[in-house]
PDB file of N, CA and C in Angstrom:
ATOM      1  N   MET A   1     214.108  18.259 204.592  1.00  0.00           N
ATOM      2  CA  MET A   1     214.926  17.088 204.625  1.00  0.00           C
ATOM      3  C   MET A   1     216.154  17.414 205.485  1.00  0.00           C
ATOM      4  N   ILE A   2     216.485  16.522 206.382  1.00  0.00           N
ATOM      5  CA  ILE A   2     217.623  16.714 207.283  1.00  0.00           C
ATOM      6  C   ILE A   2     218.620  15.585 207.032  1.00  0.00           C
ATOM      7  N   CYS A   3     219.840  15.948 206.703  1.00  0.00           N
ATOM      8  CA  CYS A   3     220.886  14.973 206.398  1.00  0.00           C
ATOM      9  C   CYS A   3     222.074  15.240 207.313  1.00  0.00           C
ATOM     10  N   TYR A   4     222.755  14.178 207.699  1.00  0.00           N
ATOM     11  CA  TYR A   4     223.900  14.404 208.574  1.00  0.00           C
ATOM     12  C   TYR A   4     225.039  13.444 208.307  1.00  0.00           C
ATOM     13  N   ASP A   5     226.223  13.890 208.723  1.00  0.00           N
ATOM     14  CA  ASP A   5     227.445  13.086 208.718  1.00  0.00           C
ATOM     15  C   ASP A   5     228.117  13.380 210.059  1.00  0.00           C
ATOM     16  N   ILE A   6     228.042  12.444 210.983  1.00  0.00           N
ATOM     17  CA  ILE A   6     228.514  12.628 212.346  1.00  0.00           C
ATOM     18  C   ILE A   6     229.690  11.687 212.580  1.00  0.00           C
ATOM     19  N   SER A   7     230.793  12.228 213.085  1.00  0.00           N
ATOM     20  CA  SER A   7     232.025  11.443 213.198  1.00  0.00           C
ATOM     21  C   SER A   7     232.095  10.562 214.446  1.00  0.00           C
ATOM     22  N   ASP A   8     231.315  10.858 215.475  1.00  0.00           N
ATOM     23  CA  ASP A   8     231.386  10.125 216.733  1.00  0.00           C
ATOM     24  C   ASP A   8     230.115   9.305 216.941  1.00  0.00           C
ATOM     25  N   THR A   9     230.253   8.037 217.255  1.00  0.00           N
ATOM     26  CA  THR A   9     229.116   7.130 217.403  1.00  0.00           C
ATOM     27  C   THR A   9     228.158   7.581 218.496  1.00  0.00           C
ATOM     28  N   LYS A  10     228.677   8.047 219.607  1.00  0.00           N
ATOM     29  CA  LYS A  10     227.825   8.490 220.714  1.00  0.00           C
ATOM     30  C   LYS A  10     226.972   9.699 220.300  1.00  0.00           C
ATOM     31  N   ARG A  11     227.599  10.678 219.646  1.00  0.00           N
ATOM     32  CA  ARG A  11     226.849  11.849 219.158  1.00  0.00           C
ATOM     33  C   ARG A  11     225.864  11.440 218.085  1.00  0.00           C
ATOM     34  N   LEU A  12     226.269  10.523 217.233  1.00  0.00           N
ATOM     35  CA  LEU A  12     225.398  10.040 216.167  1.00  0.00           C
ATOM     36  C   LEU A  12     224.104   9.465 216.742  1.00  0.00           C
ATOM     37  N   ARG A  13     224.209   8.635 217.780  1.00  0.00           N
ATOM     38  CA  ARG A  13     223.012   8.057 218.409  1.00  0.00           C
ATOM     39  C   ARG A  13     222.113   9.132 219.001  1.00  0.00           C
ATOM     40  N   LYS A  14     222.710  10.132 219.651  1.00  0.00           N
ATOM     41  CA  LYS A  14     221.912  11.212 220.245  1.00  0.00           C
ATOM     42  C   LYS A  14     221.171  12.004 219.174  1.00  0.00           C
ATOM     43  N   ILE A  15     221.845  12.290 218.080  1.00  0.00           N
ATOM     44  CA  ILE A  15     221.235  13.055 217.000  1.00  0.00           C
ATOM     45  C   ILE A  15     220.139  12.242 216.328  1.00  0.00           C
ATOM     46  N   ALA A  16     220.409  10.977 216.054  1.00  0.00           N
ATOM     47  CA  ALA A  16     219.393  10.119 215.439  1.00  0.00           C
ATOM     48  C   ALA A  16     218.160  10.016 216.335  1.00  0.00           C
ATOM     49  N   LYS A  17     218.364   9.849 217.634  1.00  0.00           N
ATOM     50  CA  LYS A  17     217.245   9.744 218.574  1.00  0.00           C
ATOM     51  C   LYS A  17     216.437  11.046 218.593  1.00  0.00           C
ATOM     52  N   ALA A  18     217.124  12.179 218.606  1.00  0.00           N
ATOM     53  CA  ALA A  18     216.440  13.473 218.594  1.00  0.00           C
ATOM     54  C   ALA A  18     215.604  13.630 217.326  1.00  0.00           C
ATOM     55  N   LEU A  19     216.164  13.250 216.188  1.00  0.00           N
ATOM     56  CA  LEU A  19     215.441  13.382 214.927  1.00  0.00           C
ATOM     57  C   LEU A  19     214.301  12.375 214.809  1.00  0.00           C
ATOM     58  N   GLU A  20     214.488  11.176 215.329  1.00  0.00           N
ATOM     59  CA  GLU A  20     213.423  10.171 215.280  1.00  0.00           C
ATOM     60  C   GLU A  20     212.174  10.629 216.027  1.00  0.00           C
ATOM     61  N   SER A  21     212.337  11.520 217.002  1.00  0.00           N
ATOM     62  CA  SER A  21     211.188  11.990 217.769  1.00  0.00           C
ATOM     63  C   SER A  21     210.381  13.052 217.023  1.00  0.00           C
ATOM     64  N   VAL A  22     210.943  13.643 215.964  1.00  0.00           N
ATOM     65  CA  VAL A  22     210.219  14.706 215.252  1.00  0.00           C
ATOM     66  C   VAL A  22     210.103  14.489 213.748  1.00  0.00           C
ATOM     67  N   ALA A  23     210.850  13.553 213.193  1.00  0.00           N
ATOM     68  CA  ALA A  23     210.894  13.404 211.735  1.00  0.00           C
ATOM     69  C   ALA A  23     210.808  11.928 211.337  1.00  0.00           C
ATOM     70  N   ILE A  24     210.622  11.706 210.051  1.00  0.00           N
ATOM     71  CA  ILE A  24     210.533  10.350 209.496  1.00  0.00           C
ATOM     72  C   ILE A  24     211.891   9.986 208.906  1.00  0.00           C
ATOM     73  N   ARG A  25     212.428   8.836 209.337  1.00  0.00           N
ATOM     74  CA  ARG A  25     213.715   8.384 208.795  1.00  0.00           C
ATOM     75  C   ARG A  25     213.487   7.828 207.392  1.00  0.00           C
ATOM     76  N   ILE A  26     214.258   8.364 206.435  1.00  0.00           N
ATOM     77  CA  ILE A  26     214.196   7.900 205.052  1.00  0.00           C
ATOM     78  C   ILE A  26     215.324   6.917 204.780  1.00  0.00           C
ATOM     79  N   GLN A  27     216.517   7.253 205.231  1.00  0.00           N
ATOM     80  CA  GLN A  27     217.680   6.386 205.174  1.00  0.00           C
ATOM     81  C   GLN A  27     218.428   6.547 206.486  1.00  0.00           C
ATOM     82  N   LYS A  28     219.546   5.866 206.631  1.00  0.00           N
ATOM     83  CA  LYS A  28     220.279   5.921 207.902  1.00  0.00           C
ATOM     84  C   LYS A  28     220.585   7.338 208.355  1.00  0.00           C
ATOM     85  N   SER A  29     220.980   8.206 207.454  1.00  0.00           N
ATOM     86  CA  SER A  29     221.369   9.558 207.848  1.00  0.00           C
ATOM     87  C   SER A  29     220.508  10.639 207.192  1.00  0.00           C
ATOM     88  N   ILE A  30     219.317  10.264 206.769  1.00  0.00           N
ATOM     89  CA  ILE A  30     218.413  11.221 206.125  1.00  0.00           C
ATOM     90  C   ILE A  30     217.031  11.116 206.752  1.00  0.00           C
ATOM     91  N   PHE A  31     216.513  12.272 207.169  1.00  0.00           N
ATOM     92  CA  PHE A  31     215.188  12.343 207.774  1.00  0.00           C
ATOM     93  C   PHE A  31     214.337  13.338 207.009  1.00  0.00           C
ATOM     94  N   TYR A  32     213.024  13.102 207.029  1.00  0.00           N
ATOM     95  CA  TYR A  32     212.081  14.020 206.399  1.00  0.00           C
ATOM     96  C   TYR A  32     211.209  14.616 207.489  1.00  0.00           C
ATOM     97  N   TYR A  33     211.226  15.938 207.586  1.00  0.00           N
ATOM     98  CA  TYR A  33     210.427  16.665 208.573  1.00  0.00           C
ATOM     99  C   TYR A  33     209.317  17.388 207.826  1.00  0.00           C
ATOM    100  N   MET A  34     208.077  16.996 208.076  1.00  0.00           N
ATOM    101  CA  MET A  34     206.949  17.520 207.305  1.00  0.00           C
ATOM    102  C   MET A  34     206.302  18.725 207.972  1.00  0.00           C
ATOM    103  N   ASP A  35     205.924  19.675 207.150  1.00  0.00           N
ATOM    104  CA  ASP A  35     205.061  20.794 207.544  1.00  0.00           C
ATOM    105  C   ASP A  35     205.536  21.581 208.754  1.00  0.00           C
ATOM    106  N   GLY A  36     206.813  21.761 208.883  1.00  0.00           N
ATOM    107  CA  GLY A  36     207.343  22.544 209.994  1.00  0.00           C
ATOM    108  C   GLY A  36     207.359  24.027 209.680  1.00  0.00           C
ATOM    109  N   SER A  37     207.044  24.816 210.658  1.00  0.00           N
ATOM    110  CA  SER A  37     207.133  26.265 210.494  1.00  0.00           C
ATOM    111  C   SER A  37     208.595  26.688 210.641  1.00  0.00           C
ATOM    112  N   ALA A  38     208.868  27.936 210.346  1.00  0.00           N
ATOM    113  CA  ALA A  38     210.223  28.457 210.513  1.00  0.00           C
ATOM    114  C   ALA A  38     210.653  28.352 211.970  1.00  0.00           C
ATOM    115  N   LEU A  39     209.721  28.587 212.887  1.00  0.00           N
ATOM    116  CA  LEU A  39     210.021  28.472 214.315  1.00  0.00           C
ATOM    117  C   LEU A  39     210.362  27.028 214.699  1.00  0.00           C
ATOM    118  N   ASP A  40     209.628  26.063 214.130  1.00  0.00           N
ATOM    119  CA  ASP A  40     209.913  24.648 214.379  1.00  0.00           C
ATOM    120  C   ASP A  40     211.310  24.285 213.901  1.00  0.00           C
ATOM    121  N   ILE A  41     211.651  24.749 212.710  1.00  0.00           N
ATOM    122  CA  ILE A  41     212.971  24.456 212.140  1.00  0.00           C
ATOM    123  C   ILE A  41     214.064  25.086 212.995  1.00  0.00           C
ATOM    124  N   LYS A  42     213.841  26.321 213.429  1.00  0.00           N
ATOM    125  CA  LYS A  42     214.833  26.981 214.281  1.00  0.00           C
ATOM    126  C   LYS A  42     215.033  26.217 215.584  1.00  0.00           C
ATOM    127  N   SER A  43     213.962  25.659 216.115  1.00  0.00           N
ATOM    128  CA  SER A  43     214.047  24.861 217.342  1.00  0.00           C
ATOM    129  C   SER A  43     214.882  23.602 217.116  1.00  0.00           C
ATOM    130  N   ILE A  44     214.663  22.938 215.985  1.00  0.00           N
ATOM    131  CA  ILE A  44     215.435  21.742 215.649  1.00  0.00           C
ATOM    132  C   ILE A  44     216.904  22.106 215.456  1.00  0.00           C
ATOM    133  N   VAL A  45     217.168  23.206 214.758  1.00  0.00           N
ATOM    134  CA  VAL A  45     218.547  23.656 214.538  1.00  0.00           C
ATOM    135  C   VAL A  45     219.236  23.891 215.879  1.00  0.00           C
ATOM    136  N   LYS A  46     218.547  24.552 216.794  1.00  0.00           N
ATOM    137  CA  LYS A  46     219.125  24.834 218.114  1.00  0.00           C
ATOM    138  C   LYS A  46     219.434  23.533 218.850  1.00  0.00           C
ATOM    139  N   GLN A  47     218.498  22.592 218.832  1.00  0.00           N
ATOM    140  CA  GLN A  47     218.696  21.314 219.520  1.00  0.00           C
ATOM    141  C   GLN A  47     219.880  20.551 218.929  1.00  0.00           C
ATOM    142  N   LEU A  48     219.957  20.473 217.607  1.00  0.00           N
ATOM    143  CA  LEU A  48     221.040  19.742 216.958  1.00  0.00           C
ATOM    144  C   LEU A  48     222.377  20.446 217.153  1.00  0.00           C
ATOM    145  N   ASP A  49     222.348  21.771 217.128  1.00  0.00           N
ATOM    146  CA  ASP A  49     223.570  22.546 217.316  1.00  0.00           C
ATOM    147  C   ASP A  49     224.211  22.261 218.675  1.00  0.00           C
ATOM    148  N   GLU A  50     223.380  21.989 219.678  1.00  0.00           N
ATOM    149  CA  GLU A  50     223.888  21.672 221.014  1.00  0.00           C
ATOM    150  C   GLU A  50     224.487  20.267 221.096  1.00  0.00           C
ATOM    151  N   LEU A  51     224.159  19.408 220.129  1.00  0.00           N
ATOM    152  CA  LEU A  51     224.621  18.019 220.155  1.00  0.00           C
ATOM    153  C   LEU A  51     225.871  17.763 219.313  1.00  0.00           C
ATOM    154  N   ILE A  52     226.095  18.580 218.293  1.00  0.00           N
ATOM    155  CA  ILE A  52     227.184  18.278 217.368  1.00  0.00           C
ATOM    156  C   ILE A  52     228.505  18.897 217.805  1.00  0.00           C
ATOM    157  N   ASP A  53     229.568  18.401 217.202  1.00  0.00           N
ATOM    158  CA  ASP A  53     230.892  19.000 217.305  1.00  0.00           C
ATOM    159  C   ASP A  53     231.050  19.851 216.045  1.00  0.00           C
ATOM    160  N   GLN A  54     231.130  21.153 216.211  1.00  0.00           N
ATOM    161  CA  GLN A  54     231.175  22.082 215.074  1.00  0.00           C
ATOM    162  C   GLN A  54     232.344  21.816 214.118  1.00  0.00           C
ATOM    163  N   GLU A  55     233.426  21.278 214.630  1.00  0.00           N
ATOM    164  CA  GLU A  55     234.616  21.044 213.809  1.00  0.00           C
ATOM    165  C   GLU A  55     234.564  19.715 213.052  1.00  0.00           C
ATOM    166  N   GLU A  56     233.853  18.728 213.589  1.00  0.00           N
ATOM    167  CA  GLU A  56     233.905  17.378 213.022  1.00  0.00           C
ATOM    168  C   GLU A  56     232.619  16.929 212.328  1.00  0.00           C
ATOM    169  N   ASP A  57     231.489  17.474 212.712  1.00  0.00           N
ATOM    170  CA  ASP A  57     230.196  16.988 212.223  1.00  0.00           C
ATOM    171  C   ASP A  57     229.592  17.939 211.196  1.00  0.00           C
ATOM    172  N   ASP A  58     228.666  17.402 210.416  1.00  0.00           N
ATOM    173  CA  ASP A  58     227.980  18.199 209.400  1.00  0.00           C
ATOM    174  C   ASP A  58     226.510  17.794 209.378  1.00  0.00           C
ATOM    175  N   ILE A  59     225.630  18.773 209.530  1.00  0.00           N
ATOM    176  CA  ILE A  59     224.192  18.544 209.412  1.00  0.00           C
ATOM    177  C   ILE A  59     223.661  19.580 208.438  1.00  0.00           C
ATOM    178  N   ARG A  60     222.837  19.124 207.504  1.00  0.00           N
ATOM    179  CA  ARG A  60     222.234  20.021 206.514  1.00  0.00           C
ATOM    180  C   ARG A  60     220.718  19.841 206.560  1.00  0.00           C
ATOM    181  N   ILE A  61     220.002  20.955 206.424  1.00  0.00           N
ATOM    182  CA  ILE A  61     218.545  20.925 206.365  1.00  0.00           C
ATOM    183  C   ILE A  61     218.147  21.585 205.049  1.00  0.00           C
ATOM    184  N   TYR A  62     217.386  20.844 204.236  1.00  0.00           N
ATOM    185  CA  TYR A  62     216.961  21.348 202.937  1.00  0.00           C
ATOM    186  C   TYR A  62     215.445  21.469 202.908  1.00  0.00           C
ATOM    187  N   LYS A  63     214.984  22.550 202.318  1.00  0.00           N
ATOM    188  CA  LYS A  63     213.545  22.745 202.136  1.00  0.00           C
ATOM    189  C   LYS A  63     213.096  21.932 200.924  1.00  0.00           C
ATOM    190  N   VAL A  64     212.039  21.154 201.114  1.00  0.00           N
ATOM    191  CA  VAL A  64     211.450  20.369 200.032  1.00  0.00           C
ATOM    192  C   VAL A  64     210.046  20.916 199.818  1.00  0.00           C
ATOM    193  N   ASP A  65     209.747  21.380 198.614  1.00  0.00           N
ATOM    194  CA  ASP A  65     208.429  21.951 198.381  1.00  0.00           C
ATOM    195  C   ASP A  65     207.399  20.872 198.059  1.00  0.00           C
ATOM    196  N   LYS A  66     206.161  21.290 197.880  1.00  0.00           N
ATOM    197  CA  LYS A  66     205.070  20.334 197.670  1.00  0.00           C
ATOM    198  C   LYS A  66     205.192  19.564 196.370  1.00  0.00           C
ATOM    199  N   TYR A  67     206.084  19.977 195.488  1.00  0.00           N
ATOM    200  CA  TYR A  67     206.305  19.258 194.239  1.00  0.00           C
ATOM    201  C   TYR A  67     207.532  18.361 194.329  1.00  0.00           C
ATOM    202  N   SER A  68     208.063  18.196 195.535  1.00  0.00           N
ATOM    203  CA  SER A  68     209.178  17.296 195.824  1.00  0.00           C
ATOM    204  C   SER A  68     210.496  17.687 195.176  1.00  0.00           C
ATOM    205  N   SER A  69     210.693  18.950 194.889  1.00  0.00           N
ATOM    206  CA  SER A  69     212.000  19.350 194.385  1.00  0.00           C
ATOM    207  C   SER A  69     212.775  20.006 195.518  1.00  0.00           C
ATOM    208  N   VAL A  70     214.035  19.648 195.635  1.00  0.00           N
ATOM    209  CA  VAL A  70     214.882  20.162 196.703  1.00  0.00           C
ATOM    210  C   VAL A  70     215.482  21.488 196.254  1.00  0.00           C
ATOM    211  N   HIS A  71     215.343  22.504 197.086  1.00  0.00           N
ATOM    212  CA  HIS A  71     215.907  23.819 196.792  1.00  0.00           C
ATOM    213  C   HIS A  71     217.185  23.971 197.601  1.00  0.00           C
ATOM    214  N   LEU A  72     218.317  23.673 197.002  1.00  0.00           N
ATOM    215  CA  LEU A  72     219.583  23.738 197.722  1.00  0.00           C
ATOM    216  C   LEU A  72     219.913  25.162 198.172  1.00  0.00           C
ATOM    217  N   LYS A  73     219.392  26.154 197.491  1.00  0.00           N
ATOM    218  CA  LYS A  73     219.656  27.529 197.914  1.00  0.00           C
ATOM    219  C   LYS A  73     218.991  27.830 199.254  1.00  0.00           C
ATOM    220  N   ASN A  74     218.053  26.998 199.688  1.00  0.00           N
ATOM    221  CA  ASN A  74     217.353  27.190 200.948  1.00  0.00           C
ATOM    222  C   ASN A  74     217.889  26.296 202.049  1.00  0.00           C
ATOM    223  N   ALA A  75     219.107  25.823 201.912  1.00  0.00           N
ATOM    224  CA  ALA A  75     219.674  24.911 202.901  1.00  0.00           C
ATOM    225  C   ALA A  75     220.072  25.646 204.173  1.00  0.00           C
ATOM    226  N   VAL A  76     220.035  24.908 205.266  1.00  0.00           N
ATOM    227  CA  VAL A  76     220.510  25.415 206.547  1.00  0.00           C
ATOM    228  C   VAL A  76     221.772  24.644 206.889  1.00  0.00           C
ATOM    229  N   ASP A  77     222.856  25.337 207.065  1.00  0.00           N
ATOM    230  CA  ASP A  77     224.123  24.730 207.446  1.00  0.00           C
ATOM    231  C   ASP A  77     224.348  25.070 208.913  1.00  0.00           C
ATOM    232  N   LEU A  78     224.418  24.073 209.775  1.00  0.00           N
ATOM    233  CA  LEU A  78     224.541  24.338 211.204  1.00  0.00           C
ATOM    234  C   LEU A  78     225.844  25.039 211.572  1.00  0.00           C
ATOM    235  N   LYS A  79     226.825  25.004 210.688  1.00  0.00           N
ATOM    236  CA  LYS A  79     228.055  25.744 210.955  1.00  0.00           C
ATOM    237  C   LYS A  79     227.821  27.244 210.774  1.00  0.00           C
ATOM    238  N   LYS A  80     226.827  27.577 209.973  1.00  0.00           N
ATOM    239  CA  LYS A  80     226.390  28.966 209.766  1.00  0.00           C
ATOM    240  C   LYS A  80     224.865  28.944 209.756  1.00  0.00           C
ATOM    241  N   PRO A  81     224.216  28.792 210.907  1.00  0.00           N
ATOM    242  CA  PRO A  81     222.778  28.522 210.948  1.00  0.00           C
ATOM    243  C   PRO A  81     221.897  29.709 210.600  1.00  0.00           C
ATOM    244  N   ASN A  82     221.827  30.009 209.327  1.00  0.00           N
ATOM    245  CA  ASN A  82     220.904  31.032 208.833  1.00  0.00           C
ATOM    246  C   ASN A  82     219.834  30.328 208.030  1.00  0.00           C
ATOM    247  N   ILE A  83     218.598  30.607 208.342  1.00  0.00           N
ATOM    248  CA  ILE A  83     217.517  30.001 207.589  1.00  0.00           C
ATOM    249  C   ILE A  83     217.161  30.958 206.454  1.00  0.00           C
ATOM    250  N   ILE A  84     217.358  30.466 205.240  1.00  0.00           N
ATOM    251  CA  ILE A  84     217.128  31.279 204.055  1.00  0.00           C
ATOM    252  C   ILE A  84     215.811  30.848 203.440  1.00  0.00           C
ATOM    253  N   GLY A  85     214.941  31.779 203.203  1.00  0.00           N
ATOM    254  CA  GLY A  85     213.676  31.476 202.552  1.00  0.00           C
ATOM    255  C   GLY A  85     212.664  30.797 203.441  1.00  0.00           C
ATOM    256  N   ALA A  86     212.886  30.729 204.738  1.00  0.00           N
ATOM    257  CA  ALA A  86     211.934  30.106 205.649  1.00  0.00           C
ATOM    258  C   ALA A  86     210.752  31.041 205.866  1.00  0.00           C
ATOM    259  N   ARG A  87     209.596  30.460 206.066  1.00  0.00           N
ATOM    260  CA  ARG A  87     208.390  31.270 206.276  1.00  0.00           C
ATOM    261  C   ARG A  87     208.001  31.278 207.709  1.00  0.00           C
TER     262      ARG A  87
END
């Protein structure tokens, strides 16, 4: 699951467009990315990292398991982009 809070409208559109090409929009600022490998997630993190303002924007990526429970301990924070528990 990819969630964001983007302060600038222009950046917001770019990020939404980038995510719409790889993920399913659940709500305005929430996308669901299915069955991605760790390499796929790292690629998305890199792409989004190039679009955001590190000081003003916030993007979070959460791992959702097959039982639909969100593991917050496995979140990716683009301000500190370490993928924890990725396979």
